[in-house]
């Protein structure tokens, strides 16, 4: 799928979808919890999250959110789109969820926060309405995972990517995209980039990816930021170091001491909150450099 490189300054008007909203106001931090379980559009007003040296800090934008149906026939899937309303930077980010799916509050909260800083964030339903549920017996996990056909998941991610490319092109924007993934989604980031070969995605962030294929690393053409904890048995540090070396292109591994799996988008203590905010800042700087500065 070809993705052009030239960027237009036009606002992606085709992404300004007619929405019916309920309203929530909140600070843009990792501790915010959405109180309503309603579907449909959502608005969140965020305050600025600090960024690193060299990145200008600005007020977070009002975010519009809507649930979409994208693709046709067997390729039809559900997704959430979150979009900065004013001063939209024209960059798109595909966010791949963990095993709890695209409707999980932690995933949506994180997507809000990314969109809060000017981005258009698409979160597809990778599990076709059958995410892993916290109440299921753990011995059933492998059986459930086996039911999620890898090729079907790959096709759904490709459908999501094509939708974003087509929407941006229709709006006069041909900027490359960024991709973020957590856990299961973090592992799929590697698969996506290996298949993409730098055509559509120009940068990526993999948070504690699971079941990553090291053989795919040599096919990746863009820099990847890997974020994990040194107490995460599902994402060994040694494996991440190998990915960093093989991929090259300025890829980077950041390890948080004493942190286990999912700390960045599901912090469970005040100590983890601080590290989660730092991880978010690292990600934001990475996206800024890859999508806005070096595009």
C-alpha atoms as a PDB file:
ATOM      1  CA  UNK A   1       0.000   0.000   0.000  1.00  0.00           C
ATOM      2  CA  UNK A   2       1.731   3.192  -1.161  1.00  0.00           C
ATOM      3  CA  UNK A   3       1.984   6.114   1.240  1.00  0.00           C
ATOM      4  CA  UNK A   4       3.142   9.437  -0.105  1.00  0.00           C
ATOM      5  CA  UNK A   5       5.727  11.465   1.786  1.00  0.00           C
ATOM      6  CA  UNK A   6       4.711  15.078   1.142  1.00  0.00           C
ATOM      7  CA  UNK A   7       2.728  16.839   3.867  1.00  0.00           C
ATOM      8  CA  UNK A   8      -0.007  19.404   3.290  1.00  0.00           C
ATOM      9  CA  UNK A   9      -0.826  21.873   6.054  1.00  0.00           C
ATOM     10  CA  UNK A  10      -4.572  21.375   5.565  1.00  0.00           C
ATOM     11  CA  UNK A  11      -6.639  20.263   8.541  1.00  0.00           C
ATOM     12  CA  UNK A  12      -8.036  16.734   8.000  1.00  0.00           C
ATOM     13  CA  UNK A  13     -11.612  17.904   7.445  1.00  0.00           C
ATOM     14  CA  UNK A  14     -12.807  14.418   6.464  1.00  0.00           C
ATOM     15  CA  UNK A  15     -11.944  13.363  10.001  1.00  0.00           C
ATOM     16  CA  UNK A  16     -14.296  15.997  11.417  1.00  0.00           C
ATOM     17  CA  UNK A  17     -17.141  13.542  11.764  1.00  0.00           C
ATOM     18  CA  UNK A  18     -20.657  14.452  12.924  1.00  0.00           C
ATOM     19  CA  UNK A  19     -20.695  13.404  16.575  1.00  0.00           C
ATOM     20  CA  UNK A  20     -23.146  13.193  19.443  1.00  0.00           C
ATOM     21  CA  UNK A  21     -21.225  13.830  22.638  1.00  0.00           C
ATOM     22  CA  UNK A  22     -21.337  13.401  26.315  1.00  0.00           C
ATOM     23  CA  UNK A  23     -18.808  15.567  28.091  1.00  0.00           C
ATOM     24  CA  UNK A  24     -16.094  14.896  30.637  1.00  0.00           C
ATOM     25  CA  UNK A  25     -13.427  17.298  31.799  1.00  0.00           C
ATOM     26  CA  UNK A  26     -10.127  15.985  33.080  1.00  0.00           C
ATOM     27  CA  UNK A  27      -6.437  16.599  33.406  1.00  0.00           C
ATOM     28  CA  UNK A  28      -4.328  14.867  30.782  1.00  0.00           C
ATOM     29  CA  UNK A  29      -2.520  12.469  33.090  1.00  0.00           C
ATOM     30  CA  UNK A  30      -2.289   8.753  33.486  1.00  0.00           C
ATOM     31  CA  UNK A  31      -4.443   8.675  36.592  1.00  0.00           C
ATOM     32  CA  UNK A  32      -7.612   9.880  34.920  1.00  0.00           C
ATOM     33  CA  UNK A  33     -10.482   7.386  34.844  1.00  0.00           C
ATOM     34  CA  UNK A  34     -13.523   7.783  32.630  1.00  0.00           C
ATOM     35  CA  UNK A  35     -16.670   7.554  34.736  1.00  0.00           C
ATOM     36  CA  UNK A  36     -19.219   6.852  32.022  1.00  0.00           C
ATOM     37  CA  UNK A  37     -19.602   3.572  30.170  1.00  0.00           C
ATOM     38  CA  UNK A  38     -21.600   5.055  27.294  1.00  0.00           C
ATOM     39  CA  UNK A  39     -20.605   4.400  23.723  1.00  0.00           C
ATOM     40  CA  UNK A  40     -20.295   7.056  21.074  1.00  0.00           C
ATOM     41  CA  UNK A  41     -18.535  10.396  21.034  1.00  0.00           C
ATOM     42  CA  UNK A  42     -16.584  11.694  23.981  1.00  0.00           C
ATOM     43  CA  UNK A  43     -14.864  14.960  24.772  1.00  0.00           C
ATOM     44  CA  UNK A  44     -12.017  15.390  27.189  1.00  0.00           C
ATOM     45  CA  UNK A  45     -10.279  18.653  27.965  1.00  0.00           C
ATOM     46  CA  UNK A  46      -6.678  18.030  28.913  1.00  0.00           C
ATOM     47  CA  UNK A  47      -3.952  20.101  30.464  1.00  0.00           C
ATOM     48  CA  UNK A  48      -0.412  19.999  29.189  1.00  0.00           C
ATOM     49  CA  UNK A  49       1.869  17.089  29.964  1.00  0.00           C
ATOM     50  CA  UNK A  50       5.498  18.094  30.306  1.00  0.00           C
ATOM     51  CA  UNK A  51       7.803  17.248  27.419  1.00  0.00           C
ATOM     52  CA  UNK A  52      11.531  16.947  27.107  1.00  0.00           C
ATOM     53  CA  UNK A  53      14.087  19.521  26.124  1.00  0.00           C
ATOM     54  CA  UNK A  54      13.692  20.763  22.578  1.00  0.00           C
ATOM     55  CA  UNK A  55       9.962  20.102  22.348  1.00  0.00           C
ATOM     56  CA  UNK A  56       7.759  23.148  22.771  1.00  0.00           C
ATOM     57  CA  UNK A  57       5.072  22.618  25.377  1.00  0.00           C
ATOM     58  CA  UNK A  58       1.553  23.684  24.447  1.00  0.00           C
ATOM     59  CA  UNK A  59      -1.887  23.425  25.952  1.00  0.00           C
ATOM     60  CA  UNK A  60      -3.614  20.151  25.269  1.00  0.00           C
ATOM     61  CA  UNK A  61      -6.451  20.279  22.791  1.00  0.00           C
ATOM     62  CA  UNK A  62     -10.107  19.446  23.148  1.00  0.00           C
ATOM     63  CA  UNK A  63     -10.553  15.863  21.920  1.00  0.00           C
ATOM     64  CA  UNK A  64     -13.467  14.483  19.936  1.00  0.00           C
ATOM     65  CA  UNK A  65     -14.077  10.737  20.005  1.00  0.00           C
ATOM     66  CA  UNK A  66     -16.400   8.492  18.042  1.00  0.00           C
ATOM     67  CA  UNK A  67     -16.889   4.792  17.418  1.00  0.00           C
ATOM     68  CA  UNK A  68     -16.582   3.830  13.762  1.00  0.00           C
ATOM     69  CA  UNK A  69     -17.239   0.882  11.512  1.00  0.00           C
ATOM     70  CA  UNK A  70     -14.460   0.600   8.932  1.00  0.00           C
ATOM     71  CA  UNK A  71     -13.776  -1.800   6.085  1.00  0.00           C
ATOM     72  CA  UNK A  72     -16.294  -3.787   4.075  1.00  0.00           C
ATOM     73  CA  UNK A  73     -17.647  -7.336   4.088  1.00  0.00           C
ATOM     74  CA  UNK A  74     -15.457  -9.773   6.001  1.00  0.00           C
ATOM     75  CA  UNK A  75     -12.946  -6.965   6.577  1.00  0.00           C
ATOM     76  CA  UNK A  76     -15.455  -4.822   8.470  1.00  0.00           C
ATOM     77  CA  UNK A  77     -14.315  -4.019  12.012  1.00  0.00           C
ATOM     78  CA  UNK A  78     -15.140  -1.563  14.790  1.00  0.00           C
ATOM     79  CA  UNK A  79     -12.729   1.127  15.959  1.00  0.00           C
ATOM     80  CA  UNK A  80     -12.523   4.300  18.019  1.00  0.00           C
ATOM     81  CA  UNK A  81     -11.190   7.522  16.517  1.00  0.00           C
ATOM     82  CA  UNK A  82      -9.930  10.270  18.838  1.00  0.00           C
ATOM     83  CA  UNK A  83      -9.041  13.606  17.283  1.00  0.00           C
ATOM     84  CA  UNK A  84      -7.755  16.965  18.483  1.00  0.00           C
ATOM     85  CA  UNK A  85     -10.334  19.587  17.499  1.00  0.00           C
ATOM     86  CA  UNK A  86      -8.205  22.735  17.293  1.00  0.00           C
ATOM     87  CA  UNK A  87      -4.603  22.992  16.116  1.00  0.00           C
ATOM     88  CA  UNK A  88      -4.728  19.420  14.868  1.00  0.00           C
ATOM     89  CA  UNK A  89      -1.158  18.607  13.802  1.00  0.00           C
ATOM     90  CA  UNK A  90      -2.284  16.394  10.908  1.00  0.00           C
ATOM     91  CA  UNK A  91      -0.425  13.328  12.159  1.00  0.00           C
ATOM     92  CA  UNK A  92      -2.112   9.964  12.562  1.00  0.00           C
ATOM     93  CA  UNK A  93      -1.339   7.297  15.151  1.00  0.00           C
ATOM     94  CA  UNK A  94      -2.578   3.705  15.055  1.00  0.00           C
ATOM     95  CA  UNK A  95      -2.863   2.319  18.587  1.00  0.00           C
ATOM     96  CA  UNK A  96      -2.944  -1.465  19.047  1.00  0.00           C
ATOM     97  CA  UNK A  97      -4.472  -2.594  22.329  1.00  0.00           C
ATOM     98  CA  UNK A  98      -3.493  -5.250  24.806  1.00  0.00           C
ATOM     99  CA  UNK A  99      -5.540  -8.451  25.181  1.00  0.00           C
ATOM    100  CA  UNK A 100      -8.387  -6.584  26.913  1.00  0.00           C
ATOM    101  CA  UNK A 101      -9.362  -4.909  23.677  1.00  0.00           C
ATOM    102  CA  UNK A 102     -10.185  -1.533  22.212  1.00  0.00           C
ATOM    103  CA  UNK A 103     -13.082  -0.793  24.574  1.00  0.00           C
ATOM    104  CA  UNK A 104     -10.994  -1.193  27.718  1.00  0.00           C
ATOM    105  CA  UNK A 105     -10.884   2.034  29.723  1.00  0.00           C
ATOM    106  CA  UNK A 106      -7.090   2.025  30.200  1.00  0.00           C
ATOM    107  CA  UNK A 107      -6.540   1.821  26.432  1.00  0.00           C
ATOM    108  CA  UNK A 108      -9.087   4.534  25.684  1.00  0.00           C
ATOM    109  CA  UNK A 109      -7.690   6.792  28.406  1.00  0.00           C
ATOM    110  CA  UNK A 110      -4.237   6.518  26.859  1.00  0.00           C
ATOM    111  CA  UNK A 111      -5.616   7.200  23.371  1.00  0.00           C
ATOM    112  CA  UNK A 112      -7.330  10.348  24.703  1.00  0.00           C
ATOM    113  CA  UNK A 113      -4.046  11.559  26.106  1.00  0.00           C
ATOM    114  CA  UNK A 114      -2.206  11.047  22.812  1.00  0.00           C
ATOM    115  CA  UNK A 115      -4.945  12.848  20.866  1.00  0.00           C
ATOM    116  CA  UNK A 116      -4.829  15.566  23.514  1.00  0.00           C
ATOM    117  CA  UNK A 117      -1.548  16.743  21.998  1.00  0.00           C
ATOM    118  CA  UNK A 118      -2.836  17.298  18.476  1.00  0.00           C
ATOM    119  CA  UNK A 119      -2.969  13.777  17.011  1.00  0.00           C
ATOM    120  CA  UNK A 120      -5.608  11.696  15.274  1.00  0.00           C
ATOM    121  CA  UNK A 121      -5.598   8.306  17.050  1.00  0.00           C
ATOM    122  CA  UNK A 122      -7.352   5.207  15.703  1.00  0.00           C
ATOM    123  CA  UNK A 123      -7.866   2.221  18.024  1.00  0.00           C
ATOM    124  CA  UNK A 124      -9.206  -0.837  16.145  1.00  0.00           C
ATOM    125  CA  UNK A 125     -10.983  -3.852  17.615  1.00  0.00           C
ATOM    126  CA  UNK A 126      -8.277  -6.482  17.162  1.00  0.00           C
ATOM    127  CA  UNK A 127     -10.414  -9.268  18.637  1.00  0.00           C
ATOM    128  CA  UNK A 128     -13.705  -8.846  16.754  1.00  0.00           C
ATOM    129  CA  UNK A 129     -15.739  -8.402  19.934  1.00  0.00           C
ATOM    130  CA  UNK A 130     -14.012 -11.208  21.829  1.00  0.00           C
ATOM    131  CA  UNK A 131     -11.238  -9.696  23.964  1.00  0.00           C
ATOM    132  CA  UNK A 132      -9.811 -11.540  26.921  1.00  0.00           C
ATOM    133  CA  UNK A 133     -11.990 -10.965  29.977  1.00  0.00           C
ATOM    134  CA  UNK A 134     -10.441 -10.598  33.401  1.00  0.00           C
ATOM    135  CA  UNK A 135     -12.883 -13.084  34.913  1.00  0.00           C
ATOM    136  CA  UNK A 136     -11.960 -15.963  32.616  1.00  0.00           C
ATOM    137  CA  UNK A 137      -9.937 -18.852  34.114  1.00  0.00           C
ATOM    138  CA  UNK A 138      -6.255 -18.371  33.293  1.00  0.00           C
ATOM    139  CA  UNK A 139      -5.862 -21.945  31.963  1.00  0.00           C
ATOM    140  CA  UNK A 140      -8.182 -20.909  29.124  1.00  0.00           C
ATOM    141  CA  UNK A 141      -5.860 -18.159  27.931  1.00  0.00           C
ATOM    142  CA  UNK A 142      -3.875 -20.145  25.374  1.00  0.00           C
ATOM    143  CA  UNK A 143      -7.083 -21.566  23.954  1.00  0.00           C
ATOM    144  CA  UNK A 144      -8.520 -18.066  23.630  1.00  0.00           C
ATOM    145  CA  UNK A 145      -5.340 -16.727  22.059  1.00  0.00           C
ATOM    146  CA  UNK A 146      -5.284 -19.582  19.542  1.00  0.00           C
ATOM    147  CA  UNK A 147      -8.786 -18.562  18.467  1.00  0.00           C
ATOM    148  CA  UNK A 148      -7.440 -15.149  17.434  1.00  0.00           C
ATOM    149  CA  UNK A 149      -6.145 -16.049  13.981  1.00  0.00           C
ATOM    150  CA  UNK A 150      -2.872 -14.137  13.392  1.00  0.00           C
ATOM    151  CA  UNK A 151      -3.640 -13.599   9.717  1.00  0.00           C
ATOM    152  CA  UNK A 152      -7.077 -12.207  10.522  1.00  0.00           C
ATOM    153  CA  UNK A 153      -5.526  -9.840  13.076  1.00  0.00           C
ATOM    154  CA  UNK A 154      -2.928  -8.761  10.500  1.00  0.00           C
ATOM    155  CA  UNK A 155      -5.667  -8.154   7.932  1.00  0.00           C
ATOM    156  CA  UNK A 156      -7.662  -6.052  10.396  1.00  0.00           C
ATOM    157  CA  UNK A 157      -4.606  -3.933  11.161  1.00  0.00           C
ATOM    158  CA  UNK A 158      -4.046  -3.506   7.412  1.00  0.00           C
ATOM    159  CA  UNK A 159      -7.695  -2.441   7.030  1.00  0.00           C
ATOM    160  CA  UNK A 160      -7.211   0.122   9.803  1.00  0.00           C
ATOM    161  CA  UNK A 161      -4.035   1.449   8.202  1.00  0.00           C
ATOM    162  CA  UNK A 162      -5.692   1.766   4.802  1.00  0.00           C
ATOM    163  CA  UNK A 163      -8.618   3.623   6.339  1.00  0.00           C
ATOM    164  CA  UNK A 164      -6.292   6.176   7.914  1.00  0.00           C
ATOM    165  CA  UNK A 165      -4.282   6.620   4.721  1.00  0.00           C
ATOM    166  CA  UNK A 166      -7.445   7.073   2.637  1.00  0.00           C
ATOM    167  CA  UNK A 167      -8.969   9.562   5.097  1.00  0.00           C
ATOM    168  CA  UNK A 168      -5.799  11.624   5.214  1.00  0.00           C
ATOM    169  CA  UNK A 169      -5.417  11.578   1.446  1.00  0.00           C
ATOM    170  CA  UNK A 170      -9.032  12.693   1.002  1.00  0.00           C
ATOM    171  CA  UNK A 171      -8.280  15.604   3.332  1.00  0.00           C
ATOM    172  CA  UNK A 172      -5.226  16.590   1.301  1.00  0.00           C
ATOM    173  CA  UNK A 173      -2.754  15.136   3.767  1.00  0.00           C
ATOM    174  CA  UNK A 174      -0.253  12.438   2.864  1.00  0.00           C
ATOM    175  CA  UNK A 175       1.838  12.374   5.995  1.00  0.00           C
ATOM    176  CA  UNK A 176       3.191   9.066   7.215  1.00  0.00           C
ATOM    177  CA  UNK A 177       1.746   7.482  10.315  1.00  0.00           C
ATOM    178  CA  UNK A 178       2.989   6.434  13.727  1.00  0.00           C
ATOM    179  CA  UNK A 179       2.067   3.210  15.482  1.00  0.00           C
ATOM    180  CA  UNK A 180       1.869   2.376  19.202  1.00  0.00           C
ATOM    181  CA  UNK A 181       1.147  -0.966  20.850  1.00  0.00           C
ATOM    182  CA  UNK A 182       0.780  -2.381  24.355  1.00  0.00           C
ATOM    183  CA  UNK A 183       1.540  -5.983  25.345  1.00  0.00           C
ATOM    184  CA  UNK A 184      -0.179  -8.073  22.623  1.00  0.00           C
ATOM    185  CA  UNK A 185      -0.403  -4.938  20.493  1.00  0.00           C
ATOM    186  CA  UNK A 186       3.233  -4.109  21.221  1.00  0.00           C
ATOM    187  CA  UNK A 187       4.232  -7.439  19.732  1.00  0.00           C
ATOM    188  CA  UNK A 188       2.062  -6.836  16.674  1.00  0.00           C
ATOM    189  CA  UNK A 189       3.855  -3.531  16.099  1.00  0.00           C
ATOM    190  CA  UNK A 190       6.888  -5.577  15.074  1.00  0.00           C
ATOM    191  CA  UNK A 191       4.853  -7.667  12.629  1.00  0.00           C
ATOM    192  CA  UNK A 192       3.241  -4.576  11.109  1.00  0.00           C
ATOM    193  CA  UNK A 193       6.503  -2.711  10.609  1.00  0.00           C
ATOM    194  CA  UNK A 194       8.193  -5.736   9.049  1.00  0.00           C
ATOM    195  CA  UNK A 195       5.381  -6.029   6.501  1.00  0.00           C
ATOM    196  CA  UNK A 196       5.129  -2.272   5.953  1.00  0.00           C
ATOM    197  CA  UNK A 197       8.802  -1.825   5.022  1.00  0.00           C
ATOM    198  CA  UNK A 198       8.594   1.908   5.736  1.00  0.00           C
ATOM    199  CA  UNK A 199       5.761   2.566   3.279  1.00  0.00           C
ATOM    200  CA  UNK A 200       3.174   4.026   5.658  1.00  0.00           C
ATOM    201  CA  UNK A 201       4.671   4.143   9.149  1.00  0.00           C
ATOM    202  CA  UNK A 202       7.606   6.387   9.923  1.00  0.00           C
ATOM    203  CA  UNK A 203       8.008   5.721  13.645  1.00  0.00           C
ATOM    204  CA  UNK A 204       6.782   3.351  16.345  1.00  0.00           C
ATOM    205  CA  UNK A 205       6.562   2.770  20.095  1.00  0.00           C
ATOM    206  CA  UNK A 206       6.268  -0.747  21.524  1.00  0.00           C
ATOM    207  CA  UNK A 207       5.309  -0.947  25.187  1.00  0.00           C
ATOM    208  CA  UNK A 208       6.349  -4.284  26.728  1.00  0.00           C
ATOM    209  CA  UNK A 209       5.508  -6.249  23.572  1.00  0.00           C
ATOM    210  CA  UNK A 210       4.743  -9.946  23.872  1.00  0.00           C
ATOM    211  CA  UNK A 211       5.411 -12.818  21.475  1.00  0.00           C
ATOM    212  CA  UNK A 212       7.632 -10.704  19.252  1.00  0.00           C
ATOM    213  CA  UNK A 213       9.315 -12.356  16.278  1.00  0.00           C
ATOM    214  CA  UNK A 214      13.029 -11.549  16.315  1.00  0.00           C
ATOM    215  CA  UNK A 215      13.311 -12.786  12.714  1.00  0.00           C
ATOM    216  CA  UNK A 216      11.133  -9.851  11.657  1.00  0.00           C
ATOM    217  CA  UNK A 217      13.503  -7.248  13.089  1.00  0.00           C
ATOM    218  CA  UNK A 218      15.802  -7.145  10.057  1.00  0.00           C
ATOM    219  CA  UNK A 219      12.845  -6.165   7.840  1.00  0.00           C
ATOM    220  CA  UNK A 220      11.955  -3.067   9.851  1.00  0.00           C
ATOM    221  CA  UNK A 221      13.011   0.189   8.206  1.00  0.00           C
ATOM    222  CA  UNK A 222      11.998   2.787  10.810  1.00  0.00           C
ATOM    223  CA  UNK A 223      13.141   3.563  14.377  1.00  0.00           C
ATOM    224  CA  UNK A 224      11.308   1.899  17.248  1.00  0.00           C
ATOM    225  CA  UNK A 225      11.166   3.014  20.868  1.00  0.00           C
ATOM    226  CA  UNK A 226      10.864   0.023  23.222  1.00  0.00           C
ATOM    227  CA  UNK A 227       9.576   0.721  26.739  1.00  0.00           C
ATOM    228  CA  UNK A 228       9.404  -1.982  29.400  1.00  0.00           C
ATOM    229  CA  UNK A 229      10.203  -2.824  33.004  1.00  0.00           C
ATOM    230  CA  UNK A 230      13.060  -4.963  34.309  1.00  0.00           C
ATOM    231  CA  UNK A 231      10.587  -7.063  36.302  1.00  0.00           C
ATOM    232  CA  UNK A 232       8.502  -8.047  33.263  1.00  0.00           C
ATOM    233  CA  UNK A 233       8.782 -11.763  32.543  1.00  0.00           C
ATOM    234  CA  UNK A 234       6.590 -11.412  29.449  1.00  0.00           C
ATOM    235  CA  UNK A 235       9.027  -9.029  27.763  1.00  0.00           C
ATOM    236  CA  UNK A 236      12.651  -9.957  28.594  1.00  0.00           C
ATOM    237  CA  UNK A 237      15.185  -7.136  28.489  1.00  0.00           C
ATOM    238  CA  UNK A 238      17.682  -9.255  26.578  1.00  0.00           C
ATOM    239  CA  UNK A 239      15.235  -9.717  23.710  1.00  0.00           C
ATOM    240  CA  UNK A 240      14.606  -5.987  23.480  1.00  0.00           C
ATOM    241  CA  UNK A 241      18.332  -5.308  23.266  1.00  0.00           C
ATOM    242  CA  UNK A 242      18.546  -7.669  20.303  1.00  0.00           C
ATOM    243  CA  UNK A 243      15.682  -5.884  18.553  1.00  0.00           C
ATOM    244  CA  UNK A 244      17.347  -2.517  19.143  1.00  0.00           C
ATOM    245  CA  UNK A 245      20.620  -3.699  17.637  1.00  0.00           C
ATOM    246  CA  UNK A 246      19.090  -5.421  14.606  1.00  0.00           C
ATOM    247  CA  UNK A 247      16.614  -2.687  13.708  1.00  0.00           C
ATOM    248  CA  UNK A 248      19.053   0.175  14.199  1.00  0.00           C
ATOM    249  CA  UNK A 249      17.938   3.467  12.607  1.00  0.00           C
ATOM    250  CA  UNK A 250      18.158   5.177  15.978  1.00  0.00           C
ATOM    251  CA  UNK A 251      15.953   2.665  17.776  1.00  0.00           C
ATOM    252  CA  UNK A 252      16.076   2.846  21.556  1.00  0.00           C
ATOM    253  CA  UNK A 253      15.256   0.670  24.571  1.00  0.00           C
ATOM    254  CA  UNK A 254      14.179   2.321  27.834  1.00  0.00           C
ATOM    255  CA  UNK A 255      13.891   0.080  30.897  1.00  0.00           C
ATOM    256  CA  UNK A 256      12.176   1.153  34.114  1.00  0.00           C
ATOM    257  CA  UNK A 257      13.660  -0.442  37.217  1.00  0.00           C
ATOM    258  CA  UNK A 258      11.309  -2.434  39.407  1.00  0.00           C
ATOM    259  CA  UNK A 259       8.419  -2.225  36.975  1.00  0.00           C
ATOM    260  CA  UNK A 260       6.433  -5.187  35.743  1.00  0.00           C
ATOM    261  CA  UNK A 261       4.051  -5.698  32.869  1.00  0.00           C
ATOM    262  CA  UNK A 262       1.631  -2.942  31.759  1.00  0.00           C
ATOM    263  CA  UNK A 263       2.870  -0.279  34.200  1.00  0.00           C
ATOM    264  CA  UNK A 264       2.747   2.531  31.608  1.00  0.00           C
ATOM    265  CA  UNK A 265      -0.950   2.308  30.768  1.00  0.00           C
ATOM    266  CA  UNK A 266      -2.211   0.491  33.891  1.00  0.00           C
ATOM    267  CA  UNK A 267      -0.239   2.003  36.788  1.00  0.00           C
ATOM    268  CA  UNK A 268      -1.176   0.371  40.075  1.00  0.00           C
ATOM    269  CA  UNK A 269       0.536   2.613  42.633  1.00  0.00           C
ATOM    270  CA  UNK A 270       1.733   6.167  43.119  1.00  0.00           C
ATOM    271  CA  UNK A 271       5.265   5.040  42.298  1.00  0.00           C
ATOM    272  CA  UNK A 272       4.081   3.491  39.055  1.00  0.00           C
ATOM    273  CA  UNK A 273       2.107   6.659  38.296  1.00  0.00           C
ATOM    274  CA  UNK A 274       5.344   8.646  38.204  1.00  0.00           C
ATOM    275  CA  UNK A 275       7.045   6.155  35.906  1.00  0.00           C
ATOM    276  CA  UNK A 276       3.931   5.972  33.727  1.00  0.00           C
ATOM    277  CA  UNK A 277       4.003   9.737  33.259  1.00  0.00           C
ATOM    278  CA  UNK A 278       7.691   9.583  32.374  1.00  0.00           C
ATOM    279  CA  UNK A 279       7.010   6.805  29.862  1.00  0.00           C
ATOM    280  CA  UNK A 280       4.246   8.904  28.314  1.00  0.00           C
ATOM    281  CA  UNK A 281       6.618  11.845  27.973  1.00  0.00           C
ATOM    282  CA  UNK A 282       9.226   9.643  26.289  1.00  0.00           C
ATOM    283  CA  UNK A 283       6.594   8.399  23.863  1.00  0.00           C
ATOM    284  CA  UNK A 284       5.300  11.877  23.158  1.00  0.00           C
ATOM    285  CA  UNK A 285       8.784  13.217  22.401  1.00  0.00           C
ATOM    286  CA  UNK A 286       9.419  10.219  20.149  1.00  0.00           C
ATOM    287  CA  UNK A 287       6.222  10.801  18.165  1.00  0.00           C
ATOM    288  CA  UNK A 288       6.927  14.517  17.934  1.00  0.00           C
ATOM    289  CA  UNK A 289      10.382  13.916  16.493  1.00  0.00           C
ATOM    290  CA  UNK A 290       9.301  11.114  14.152  1.00  0.00           C
ATOM    291  CA  UNK A 291       6.067  12.605  12.849  1.00  0.00           C
ATOM    292  CA  UNK A 292       6.390  16.380  13.142  1.00  0.00           C
ATOM    293  CA  UNK A 293      10.094  17.224  13.066  1.00  0.00           C
ATOM    294  CA  UNK A 294      11.573  14.606  10.743  1.00  0.00           C
ATOM    295  CA  UNK A 295       8.568  14.011   8.472  1.00  0.00           C
END
